[in-house]
Full PDB file with SEQRES, HELIX, SHEET, SSBOND, CRYST1, ORIGX, SCALE, CONECT and MASTER records, all heavy atoms in Angstrom:
SEQRES   1 A   34  LEU GLU ALA ASN ASP PRO GLN THR ASP PHE VAL PHE PRO          
SEQRES   2 A   34  ASN PRO PRO ASN ILE LEU GLN SER ALA TYR ILE GLU ASP          
SEQRES   3 A   34  GLN TYR SER THR ILE GLU ALA GLN                              
HELIX    1 AA1 PRO A    6  ASP A    9  1                                   4    
HELIX    2 AA2 LEU A   19  ALA A   33  1                                  15    
CRYST1    1.000    1.000    1.000  90.00  90.00  90.00 P 1           1          
ORIGX1      1.000000  0.000000  0.000000        0.00000                         
ORIGX2      0.000000  1.000000  0.000000        0.00000                         
ORIGX3      0.000000  0.000000  1.000000        0.00000                         
SCALE1      1.000000  0.000000  0.000000        0.00000                         
SCALE2      0.000000  1.000000  0.000000        0.00000                         
SCALE3      0.000000  0.000000  1.000000        0.00000                         
ATOM      1  N   LEU A   1       4.687   7.502  35.033  1.00  0.00           N  
ATOM      2  CA  LEU A   1       4.554   8.952  34.921  1.00  0.00           C  
ATOM      3  C   LEU A   1       3.629   9.447  36.025  1.00  0.00           C  
ATOM      4  O   LEU A   1       2.549   8.872  36.236  1.00  0.00           O  
ATOM      5  CB  LEU A   1       3.997   9.338  33.541  1.00  0.00           C  
ATOM      6  CG  LEU A   1       4.874   9.020  32.334  1.00  0.00           C  
ATOM      7  CD1 LEU A   1       4.143   9.369  31.039  1.00  0.00           C  
ATOM      8  CD2 LEU A   1       6.196   9.750  32.402  1.00  0.00           C  
ATOM      9  N   GLU A   2       4.034  10.502  36.694  1.00  0.00           N  
ATOM     10  CA  GLU A   2       3.219  11.103  37.744  1.00  0.00           C  
ATOM     11  C   GLU A   2       2.479  12.308  37.163  1.00  0.00           C  
ATOM     12  O   GLU A   2       3.078  13.157  36.508  1.00  0.00           O  
ATOM     13  CB  GLU A   2       4.093  11.528  38.917  1.00  0.00           C  
ATOM     14  CG  GLU A   2       4.774  10.355  39.630  1.00  0.00           C  
ATOM     15  CD  GLU A   2       5.607  10.817  40.807  1.00  0.00           C  
ATOM     16  OE1 GLU A   2       5.687  12.057  41.001  1.00  0.00           O  
ATOM     17  OE2 GLU A   2       6.152   9.962  41.519  1.00  0.00           O  
ATOM     18  N   ALA A   3       1.156  12.400  37.436  1.00  0.00           N  
ATOM     19  CA  ALA A   3       0.350  13.497  36.921  1.00  0.00           C  
ATOM     20  C   ALA A   3      -0.832  13.727  37.839  1.00  0.00           C  
ATOM     21  O   ALA A   3      -1.336  12.786  38.489  1.00  0.00           O  
ATOM     22  CB  ALA A   3      -0.133  13.184  35.503  1.00  0.00           C  
ATOM     23  N   ASN A   4      -1.260  14.990  37.907  1.00  0.00           N  
ATOM     24  CA  ASN A   4      -2.456  15.319  38.696  1.00  0.00           C  
ATOM     25  C   ASN A   4      -3.719  14.826  37.990  1.00  0.00           C  
ATOM     26  O   ASN A   4      -4.639  14.319  38.615  1.00  0.00           O  
ATOM     27  CB  ASN A   4      -2.535  16.830  38.926  1.00  0.00           C  
ATOM     28  CG  ASN A   4      -1.381  17.325  39.790  1.00  0.00           C  
ATOM     29  OD1 ASN A   4      -0.928  16.608  40.684  1.00  0.00           O  
ATOM     30  ND2 ASN A   4      -0.896  18.528  39.512  1.00  0.00           N  
ATOM     31  N   ASP A   5      -3.750  14.977  36.661  1.00  0.00           N  
ATOM     32  CA  ASP A   5      -4.904  14.553  35.871  1.00  0.00           C  
ATOM     33  C   ASP A   5      -4.385  13.794  34.658  1.00  0.00           C  
ATOM     34  O   ASP A   5      -4.096  14.393  33.609  1.00  0.00           O  
ATOM     35  CB  ASP A   5      -5.729  15.765  35.451  1.00  0.00           C  
ATOM     36  CG  ASP A   5      -7.036  15.362  34.769  1.00  0.00           C  
ATOM     37  OD1 ASP A   5      -7.272  14.142  34.634  1.00  0.00           O  
ATOM     38  OD2 ASP A   5      -7.797  16.256  34.364  1.00  0.00           O  
ATOM     39  N   PRO A   6      -4.222  12.474  34.768  1.00  0.00           N  
ATOM     40  CA  PRO A   6      -3.636  11.710  33.653  1.00  0.00           C  
ATOM     41  C   PRO A   6      -4.422  11.825  32.360  1.00  0.00           C  
ATOM     42  O   PRO A   6      -3.856  11.714  31.272  1.00  0.00           O  
ATOM     43  CB  PRO A   6      -3.631  10.266  34.168  1.00  0.00           C  
ATOM     44  CG  PRO A   6      -3.689  10.391  35.651  1.00  0.00           C  
ATOM     45  CD  PRO A   6      -4.492  11.620  35.941  1.00  0.00           C  
ATOM     46  N   GLN A   7      -5.721  12.047  32.446  1.00  0.00           N  
ATOM     47  CA  GLN A   7      -6.539  12.114  31.244  1.00  0.00           C  
ATOM     48  C   GLN A   7      -6.212  13.333  30.397  1.00  0.00           C  
ATOM     49  O   GLN A   7      -6.393  13.316  29.183  1.00  0.00           O  
ATOM     50  CB  GLN A   7      -8.020  12.121  31.624  1.00  0.00           C  
ATOM     51  CG  GLN A   7      -8.468  10.869  32.360  1.00  0.00           C  
ATOM     52  CD  GLN A   7      -8.359   9.636  31.492  1.00  0.00           C  
ATOM     53  OE1 GLN A   7      -8.491   9.715  30.273  1.00  0.00           O  
ATOM     54  NE2 GLN A   7      -8.116   8.489  32.123  1.00  0.00           N  
ATOM     55  N   THR A   8      -5.763  14.391  31.010  1.00  0.00           N  
ATOM     56  CA  THR A   8      -5.498  15.642  30.270  1.00  0.00           C  
ATOM     57  C   THR A   8      -4.019  16.007  30.239  1.00  0.00           C  
ATOM     58  O   THR A   8      -3.577  16.714  29.338  1.00  0.00           O  
ATOM     59  CB  THR A   8      -6.288  16.796  30.897  1.00  0.00           C  
ATOM     60  OG1 THR A   8      -5.902  16.944  32.287  1.00  0.00           O  
ATOM     61  CG2 THR A   8      -7.786  16.541  30.801  1.00  0.00           C  
ATOM     62  N   ASP A   9      -3.254  15.535  31.238  1.00  0.00           N  
ATOM     63  CA  ASP A   9      -1.829  15.901  31.261  1.00  0.00           C  
ATOM     64  C   ASP A   9      -1.039  15.176  30.167  1.00  0.00           C  
ATOM     65  O   ASP A   9      -0.126  15.740  29.564  1.00  0.00           O  
ATOM     66  CB  ASP A   9      -1.235  15.586  32.628  1.00  0.00           C  
ATOM     67  CG  ASP A   9      -1.729  16.542  33.705  1.00  0.00           C  
ATOM     68  OD1 ASP A   9      -2.331  17.568  33.330  1.00  0.00           O  
ATOM     69  OD2 ASP A   9      -1.531  16.251  34.897  1.00  0.00           O  
ATOM     70  N   PHE A  10      -1.370  13.901  29.911  1.00  0.00           N  
ATOM     71  CA  PHE A  10      -0.647  13.118  28.907  1.00  0.00           C  
ATOM     72  C   PHE A  10      -1.658  12.478  27.949  1.00  0.00           C  
ATOM     73  O   PHE A  10      -2.608  11.829  28.393  1.00  0.00           O  
ATOM     74  CB  PHE A  10       0.206  12.016  29.552  1.00  0.00           C  
ATOM     75  CG  PHE A  10       1.206  12.540  30.546  1.00  0.00           C  
ATOM     76  CD1 PHE A  10       0.960  12.432  31.909  1.00  0.00           C  
ATOM     77  CD2 PHE A  10       2.363  13.157  30.122  1.00  0.00           C  
ATOM     78  CE1 PHE A  10       1.867  12.918  32.832  1.00  0.00           C  
ATOM     79  CE2 PHE A  10       3.277  13.648  31.044  1.00  0.00           C  
ATOM     80  CZ  PHE A  10       3.031  13.537  32.404  1.00  0.00           C  
ATOM     81  N   VAL A  11      -1.441  12.686  26.678  1.00  0.00           N  
ATOM     82  CA  VAL A  11      -2.329  12.143  25.658  1.00  0.00           C  
ATOM     83  C   VAL A  11      -1.470  11.512  24.559  1.00  0.00           C  
ATOM     84  O   VAL A  11      -0.497  12.120  24.105  1.00  0.00           O  
ATOM     85  CB  VAL A  11      -3.256  13.218  25.066  1.00  0.00           C  
ATOM     86  CG1 VAL A  11      -4.131  12.622  23.961  1.00  0.00           C  
ATOM     87  CG2 VAL A  11      -4.111  13.843  26.151  1.00  0.00           C  
ATOM     88  N   PHE A  12      -1.833  10.307  24.132  1.00  0.00           N  
ATOM     89  CA  PHE A  12      -1.161   9.647  23.010  1.00  0.00           C  
ATOM     90  C   PHE A  12      -2.030   9.826  21.764  1.00  0.00           C  
ATOM     91  O   PHE A  12      -3.120   9.231  21.692  1.00  0.00           O  
ATOM     92  CB  PHE A  12      -0.962   8.160  23.285  1.00  0.00           C  
ATOM     93  CG  PHE A  12       0.056   7.865  24.342  1.00  0.00           C  
ATOM     94  CD1 PHE A  12      -0.326   7.699  25.666  1.00  0.00           C  
ATOM     95  CD2 PHE A  12       1.401   7.772  24.022  1.00  0.00           C  
ATOM     96  CE1 PHE A  12       0.603   7.439  26.647  1.00  0.00           C  
ATOM     97  CE2 PHE A  12       2.336   7.513  25.003  1.00  0.00           C  
ATOM     98  CZ  PHE A  12       1.944   7.344  26.318  1.00  0.00           C  
ATOM     99  N   PRO A  13      -1.599  10.638  20.801  1.00  0.00           N  
ATOM    100  CA  PRO A  13      -2.409  10.787  19.582  1.00  0.00           C  
ATOM    101  C   PRO A  13      -2.408   9.496  18.776  1.00  0.00           C  
ATOM    102  O   PRO A  13      -1.444   8.723  18.791  1.00  0.00           O  
ATOM    103  CB  PRO A  13      -1.712  11.920  18.833  1.00  0.00           C  
ATOM    104  CG  PRO A  13      -0.297  11.885  19.312  1.00  0.00           C  
ATOM    105  CD  PRO A  13      -0.352  11.430  20.749  1.00  0.00           C  
ATOM    106  N   ASN A  14      -3.481   9.261  18.070  1.00  0.00           N  
ATOM    107  CA  ASN A  14      -3.592   8.079  17.223  1.00  0.00           C  
ATOM    108  C   ASN A  14      -2.936   8.345  15.873  1.00  0.00           C  
ATOM    109  O   ASN A  14      -3.416   9.182  15.100  1.00  0.00           O  
ATOM    110  CB  ASN A  14      -5.058   7.705  17.021  1.00  0.00           C  
ATOM    111  CG  ASN A  14      -5.713   7.270  18.312  1.00  0.00           C  
ATOM    112  OD1 ASN A  14      -5.100   6.598  19.132  1.00  0.00           O  
ATOM    113  ND2 ASN A  14      -6.968   7.673  18.501  1.00  0.00           N  
ATOM    114  N   PRO A  15      -1.815   7.647  15.551  1.00  0.00           N  
ATOM    115  CA  PRO A  15      -1.169   7.850  14.244  1.00  0.00           C  
ATOM    116  C   PRO A  15      -1.999   7.236  13.136  1.00  0.00           C  
ATOM    117  O   PRO A  15      -2.751   6.286  13.356  1.00  0.00           O  
ATOM    118  CB  PRO A  15       0.168   7.130  14.407  1.00  0.00           C  
ATOM    119  CG  PRO A  15      -0.091   6.086  15.433  1.00  0.00           C  
ATOM    120  CD  PRO A  15      -1.104   6.668  16.383  1.00  0.00           C  
ATOM    121  N   PRO A  16      -1.910   7.782  11.939  1.00  0.00           N  
ATOM    122  CA  PRO A  16      -2.663   7.207  10.818  1.00  0.00           C  
ATOM    123  C   PRO A  16      -2.155   5.812  10.485  1.00  0.00           C  
ATOM    124  O   PRO A  16      -0.978   5.505  10.611  1.00  0.00           O  
ATOM    125  CB  PRO A  16      -2.406   8.188   9.677  1.00  0.00           C  
ATOM    126  CG  PRO A  16      -1.118   8.854  10.027  1.00  0.00           C  
ATOM    127  CD  PRO A  16      -1.082   8.931  11.526  1.00  0.00           C  
ATOM    128  N   ASN A  17      -3.042   4.978  10.021  1.00  0.00           N  
ATOM    129  CA  ASN A  17      -2.709   3.602   9.666  1.00  0.00           C  
ATOM    130  C   ASN A  17      -2.895   3.409   8.169  1.00  0.00           C  
ATOM    131  O   ASN A  17      -4.013   3.313   7.673  1.00  0.00           O  
ATOM    132  CB  ASN A  17      -3.603   2.631  10.447  1.00  0.00           C  
ATOM    133  CG  ASN A  17      -3.167   1.191  10.228  1.00  0.00           C  
ATOM    134  OD1 ASN A  17      -2.178   0.937   9.542  1.00  0.00           O  
ATOM    135  ND2 ASN A  17      -3.898   0.263  10.814  1.00  0.00           N  
ATOM    136  N   ILE A  18      -1.781   3.391   7.470  1.00  0.00           N  
ATOM    137  CA  ILE A  18      -1.824   3.209   6.011  1.00  0.00           C  
ATOM    138  C   ILE A  18      -1.050   1.959   5.608  1.00  0.00           C  
ATOM    139  O   ILE A  18      -0.635   1.810   4.462  1.00  0.00           O  
ATOM    140  CB  ILE A  18      -1.244   4.434   5.284  1.00  0.00           C  
ATOM    141  CG1 ILE A  18       0.216   4.675   5.714  1.00  0.00           C  
ATOM    142  CG2 ILE A  18      -2.089   5.667   5.536  1.00  0.00           C  
ATOM    143  CD1 ILE A  18       0.910   5.723   4.885  1.00  0.00           C  
ATOM    144  N   LEU A  19      -0.809   1.049   6.551  1.00  0.00           N  
ATOM    145  CA  LEU A  19       0.006  -0.125   6.257  1.00  0.00           C  
ATOM    146  C   LEU A  19      -0.609  -0.973   5.149  1.00  0.00           C  
ATOM    147  O   LEU A  19       0.086  -1.447   4.253  1.00  0.00           O  
ATOM    148  CB  LEU A  19       0.178  -0.963   7.521  1.00  0.00           C  
ATOM    149  CG  LEU A  19       1.146  -0.393   8.570  1.00  0.00           C  
ATOM    150  CD1 LEU A  19       1.137  -1.269   9.804  1.00  0.00           C  
ATOM    151  CD2 LEU A  19       2.543  -0.303   8.006  1.00  0.00           C  
ATOM    152  N   GLN A  20      -1.908  -1.176   5.190  1.00  0.00           N  
ATOM    153  CA  GLN A  20      -2.548  -2.048   4.212  1.00  0.00           C  
ATOM    154  C   GLN A  20      -2.395  -1.516   2.799  1.00  0.00           C  
ATOM    155  O   GLN A  20      -2.034  -2.249   1.872  1.00  0.00           O  
ATOM    156  CB  GLN A  20      -4.029  -2.224   4.556  1.00  0.00           C  
ATOM    157  CG  GLN A  20      -4.743  -3.258   3.701  1.00  0.00           C  
ATOM    158  CD  GLN A  20      -4.146  -4.643   3.877  1.00  0.00           C  
ATOM    159  OE1 GLN A  20      -3.699  -5.004   4.969  1.00  0.00           O  
ATOM    160  NE2 GLN A  20      -4.121  -5.423   2.805  1.00  0.00           N  
ATOM    161  N   SER A  21      -2.630  -0.237   2.606  1.00  0.00           N  
ATOM    162  CA  SER A  21      -2.480   0.343   1.272  1.00  0.00           C  
ATOM    163  C   SER A  21      -1.028   0.344   0.822  1.00  0.00           C  
ATOM    164  O   SER A  21      -0.736   0.237  -0.368  1.00  0.00           O  
ATOM    165  CB  SER A  21      -3.041   1.767   1.258  1.00  0.00           C  
ATOM    166  OG  SER A  21      -2.354   2.579   2.199  1.00  0.00           O  
ATOM    167  N   ALA A  22      -0.078   0.444   1.761  1.00  0.00           N  
ATOM    168  CA  ALA A  22       1.340   0.406   1.390  1.00  0.00           C  
ATOM    169  C   ALA A  22       1.713  -0.956   0.835  1.00  0.00           C  
ATOM    170  O   ALA A  22       2.474  -1.060  -0.132  1.00  0.00           O  
ATOM    171  CB  ALA A  22       2.213   0.749   2.596  1.00  0.00           C  
ATOM    172  N   TYR A  23       1.197  -2.026   1.426  1.00  0.00           N  
ATOM    173  CA  TYR A  23       1.475  -3.377   0.911  1.00  0.00           C  
ATOM    174  C   TYR A  23       0.918  -3.538  -0.504  1.00  0.00           C  
ATOM    175  O   TYR A  23       1.544  -4.170  -1.364  1.00  0.00           O  
ATOM    176  CB  TYR A  23       0.871  -4.428   1.833  1.00  0.00           C  
ATOM    177  CG  TYR A  23       1.642  -4.620   3.122  1.00  0.00           C  
ATOM    178  CD1 TYR A  23       1.056  -4.340   4.342  1.00  0.00           C  
ATOM    179  CD2 TYR A  23       2.953  -5.080   3.111  1.00  0.00           C  
ATOM    180  CE1 TYR A  23       1.760  -4.521   5.529  1.00  0.00           C  
ATOM    181  CE2 TYR A  23       3.659  -5.257   4.272  1.00  0.00           C  
ATOM    182  CZ  TYR A  23       3.061  -4.970   5.488  1.00  0.00           C  
ATOM    183  OH  TYR A  23       3.762  -5.139   6.650  1.00  0.00           O  
ATOM    184  N   ILE A  24      -0.232  -2.992  -0.765  1.00  0.00           N  
ATOM    185  CA  ILE A  24      -0.825  -3.095  -2.098  1.00  0.00           C  
ATOM    186  C   ILE A  24       0.030  -2.356  -3.120  1.00  0.00           C  
ATOM    187  O   ILE A  24       0.292  -2.849  -4.220  1.00  0.00           O  
ATOM    188  CB  ILE A  24      -2.269  -2.553  -2.068  1.00  0.00           C  
ATOM    189  CG1 ILE A  24      -3.144  -3.409  -1.154  1.00  0.00           C  
ATOM    190  CG2 ILE A  24      -2.851  -2.503  -3.474  1.00  0.00           C  
ATOM    191  CD1 ILE A  24      -4.548  -2.873  -0.973  1.00  0.00           C  
ATOM    192  N   GLU A  25       0.484  -1.152  -2.766  1.00  0.00           N  
ATOM    193  CA  GLU A  25       1.325  -0.378  -3.683  1.00  0.00           C  
ATOM    194  C   GLU A  25       2.654  -1.075  -3.934  1.00  0.00           C  
ATOM    195  O   GLU A  25       3.174  -1.066  -5.044  1.00  0.00           O  
ATOM    196  CB  GLU A  25       1.568   1.021  -3.101  1.00  0.00           C  
ATOM    197  CG  GLU A  25       0.338   1.905  -3.057  1.00  0.00           C  
ATOM    198  CD  GLU A  25      -0.160   2.240  -4.451  1.00  0.00           C  
ATOM    199  OE1 GLU A  25       0.661   2.265  -5.386  1.00  0.00           O  
ATOM    200  OE2 GLU A  25      -1.369   2.472  -4.609  1.00  0.00           O  
ATOM    201  N   ASP A  26       3.212  -1.697  -2.911  1.00  0.00           N  
ATOM    202  CA  ASP A  26       4.479  -2.419  -3.071  1.00  0.00           C  
ATOM    203  C   ASP A  26       4.312  -3.584  -4.040  1.00  0.00           C  
ATOM    204  O   ASP A  26       5.155  -3.821  -4.909  1.00  0.00           O  
ATOM    205  CB  ASP A  26       4.957  -2.907  -1.710  1.00  0.00           C  
ATOM    206  CG  ASP A  26       6.355  -3.505  -1.784  1.00  0.00           C  
ATOM    207  OD1 ASP A  26       6.459  -4.703  -2.102  1.00  0.00           O  
ATOM    208  OD2 ASP A  26       7.328  -2.768  -1.548  1.00  0.00           O  
ATOM    209  N   GLN A  27       3.212  -4.332  -3.897  1.00  0.00           N  
ATOM    210  CA  GLN A  27       2.964  -5.446  -4.798  1.00  0.00           C  
ATOM    211  C   GLN A  27       2.726  -4.980  -6.223  1.00  0.00           C  
ATOM    212  O   GLN A  27       3.197  -5.594  -7.190  1.00  0.00           O  
ATOM    213  CB  GLN A  27       1.758  -6.253  -4.296  1.00  0.00           C  
ATOM    214  CG  GLN A  27       1.412  -7.458  -5.166  1.00  0.00           C  
ATOM    215  CD  GLN A  27       2.553  -8.453  -5.253  1.00  0.00           C  
ATOM    216  OE1 GLN A  27       3.339  -8.588  -4.313  1.00  0.00           O  
ATOM    217  NE2 GLN A  27       2.647  -9.148  -6.376  1.00  0.00           N  
ATOM    218  N   TYR A  28       2.030  -3.879  -6.387  1.00  0.00           N  
ATOM    219  CA  TYR A  28       1.782  -3.335  -7.724  1.00  0.00           C  
ATOM    220  C   TYR A  28       3.091  -2.901  -8.372  1.00  0.00           C  
ATOM    221  O   TYR A  28       3.307  -3.115  -9.567  1.00  0.00           O  
ATOM    222  CB  TYR A  28       0.820  -2.160  -7.626  1.00  0.00           C  
ATOM    223  CG  TYR A  28       0.555  -1.482  -8.950  1.00  0.00           C  
ATOM    224  CD1 TYR A  28      -0.274  -2.066  -9.909  1.00  0.00           C  
ATOM    225  CD2 TYR A  28       1.158  -0.260  -9.258  1.00  0.00           C  
ATOM    226  CE1 TYR A  28      -0.502  -1.461 -11.125  1.00  0.00           C  
ATOM    227  CE2 TYR A  28       0.937   0.355 -10.474  1.00  0.00           C  
ATOM    228  CZ  TYR A  28       0.097  -0.245 -11.405  1.00  0.00           C  
ATOM    229  OH  TYR A  28      -0.116   0.360 -12.606  1.00  0.00           O  
ATOM    230  N   SER A  29       3.995  -2.309  -7.587  1.00  0.00           N  
ATOM    231  CA  SER A  29       5.297  -1.903  -8.129  1.00  0.00           C  
ATOM    232  C   SER A  29       6.106  -3.112  -8.571  1.00  0.00           C  
ATOM    233  O   SER A  29       6.804  -3.075  -9.588  1.00  0.00           O  
ATOM    234  CB  SER A  29       6.075  -1.106  -7.070  1.00  0.00           C  
ATOM    235  OG  SER A  29       7.354  -0.768  -7.536  1.00  0.00           O  
ATOM    236  N   THR A  30       6.024  -4.225  -7.821  1.00  0.00           N  
ATOM    237  CA  THR A  30       6.732  -5.451  -8.211  1.00  0.00           C  
ATOM    238  C   THR A  30       6.222  -5.967  -9.554  1.00  0.00           C  
ATOM    239  O   THR A  30       7.013  -6.364 -10.424  1.00  0.00           O  
ATOM    240  CB  THR A  30       6.547  -6.523  -7.134  1.00  0.00           C  
ATOM    241  OG1 THR A  30       7.054  -6.035  -5.891  1.00  0.00           O  
ATOM    242  CG2 THR A  30       7.275  -7.799  -7.509  1.00  0.00           C  
ATOM    243  N   ILE A  31       4.926  -5.948  -9.742  1.00  0.00           N  
ATOM    244  CA  ILE A  31       4.344  -6.414 -11.003  1.00  0.00           C  
ATOM    245  C   ILE A  31       4.769  -5.501 -12.154  1.00  0.00           C  
ATOM    246  O   ILE A  31       5.073  -5.966 -13.260  1.00  0.00           O  
ATOM    247  CB  ILE A  31       2.810  -6.492 -10.882  1.00  0.00           C  
ATOM    248  CG1 ILE A  31       2.414  -7.521  -9.827  1.00  0.00           C  
ATOM    249  CG2 ILE A  31       2.173  -6.835 -12.217  1.00  0.00           C  
ATOM    250  CD1 ILE A  31       0.934  -7.575  -9.542  1.00  0.00           C  
ATOM    251  N   GLU A  32       4.811  -4.210 -11.920  1.00  0.00           N  
ATOM    252  CA  GLU A  32       5.240  -3.263 -12.954  1.00  0.00           C  
ATOM    253  C   GLU A  32       6.677  -3.532 -13.367  1.00  0.00           C  
ATOM    254  O   GLU A  32       7.015  -3.485 -14.556  1.00  0.00           O  
ATOM    255  CB  GLU A  32       5.085  -1.820 -12.444  1.00  0.00           C  
ATOM    256  CG  GLU A  32       3.657  -1.319 -12.422  1.00  0.00           C  
ATOM    257  CD  GLU A  32       3.070  -1.242 -13.822  1.00  0.00           C  
ATOM    258  OE1 GLU A  32       3.702  -0.631 -14.700  1.00  0.00           O  
ATOM    259  OE2 GLU A  32       1.992  -1.819 -14.048  1.00  0.00           O  
ATOM    260  N   ALA A  33       7.553  -3.810 -12.398  1.00  0.00           N  
ATOM    261  CA  ALA A  33       8.950  -4.103 -12.718  1.00  0.00           C  
ATOM    262  C   ALA A  33       9.063  -5.368 -13.566  1.00  0.00           C  
ATOM    263  O   ALA A  33       9.861  -5.433 -14.509  1.00  0.00           O  
ATOM    264  CB  ALA A  33       9.768  -4.238 -11.434  1.00  0.00           C  
ATOM    265  N   GLN A  34       8.268  -6.376 -13.270  1.00  0.00           N  
ATOM    266  CA  GLN A  34       8.316  -7.606 -14.039  1.00  0.00           C  
ATOM    267  C   GLN A  34       7.795  -7.398 -15.458  1.00  0.00           C  
ATOM    268  O   GLN A  34       8.287  -8.016 -16.403  1.00  0.00           O  
ATOM    269  CB  GLN A  34       7.495  -8.685 -13.328  1.00  0.00           C  
ATOM    270  CG  GLN A  34       8.072  -9.104 -11.986  1.00  0.00           C  
ATOM    271  CD  GLN A  34       7.219 -10.131 -11.279  1.00  0.00           C  
ATOM    272  OE1 GLN A  34       6.232 -10.616 -11.823  1.00  0.00           O  
ATOM    273  NE2 GLN A  34       7.590 -10.473 -10.050  1.00  0.00           N  
TER     274      GLN A  34                                                      
MASTER        0    0    0    2    0    0    0    6  273    1    0    3          
END                                                                             
């Protein structure tokens, strides 16, 4: 990518990270089904 000021022209926002809590909820749902 070509830019005059890479620091301000292009920015990658940080997405939220909820992967760990999703694994816990998935396991809890499995136990509930059993």
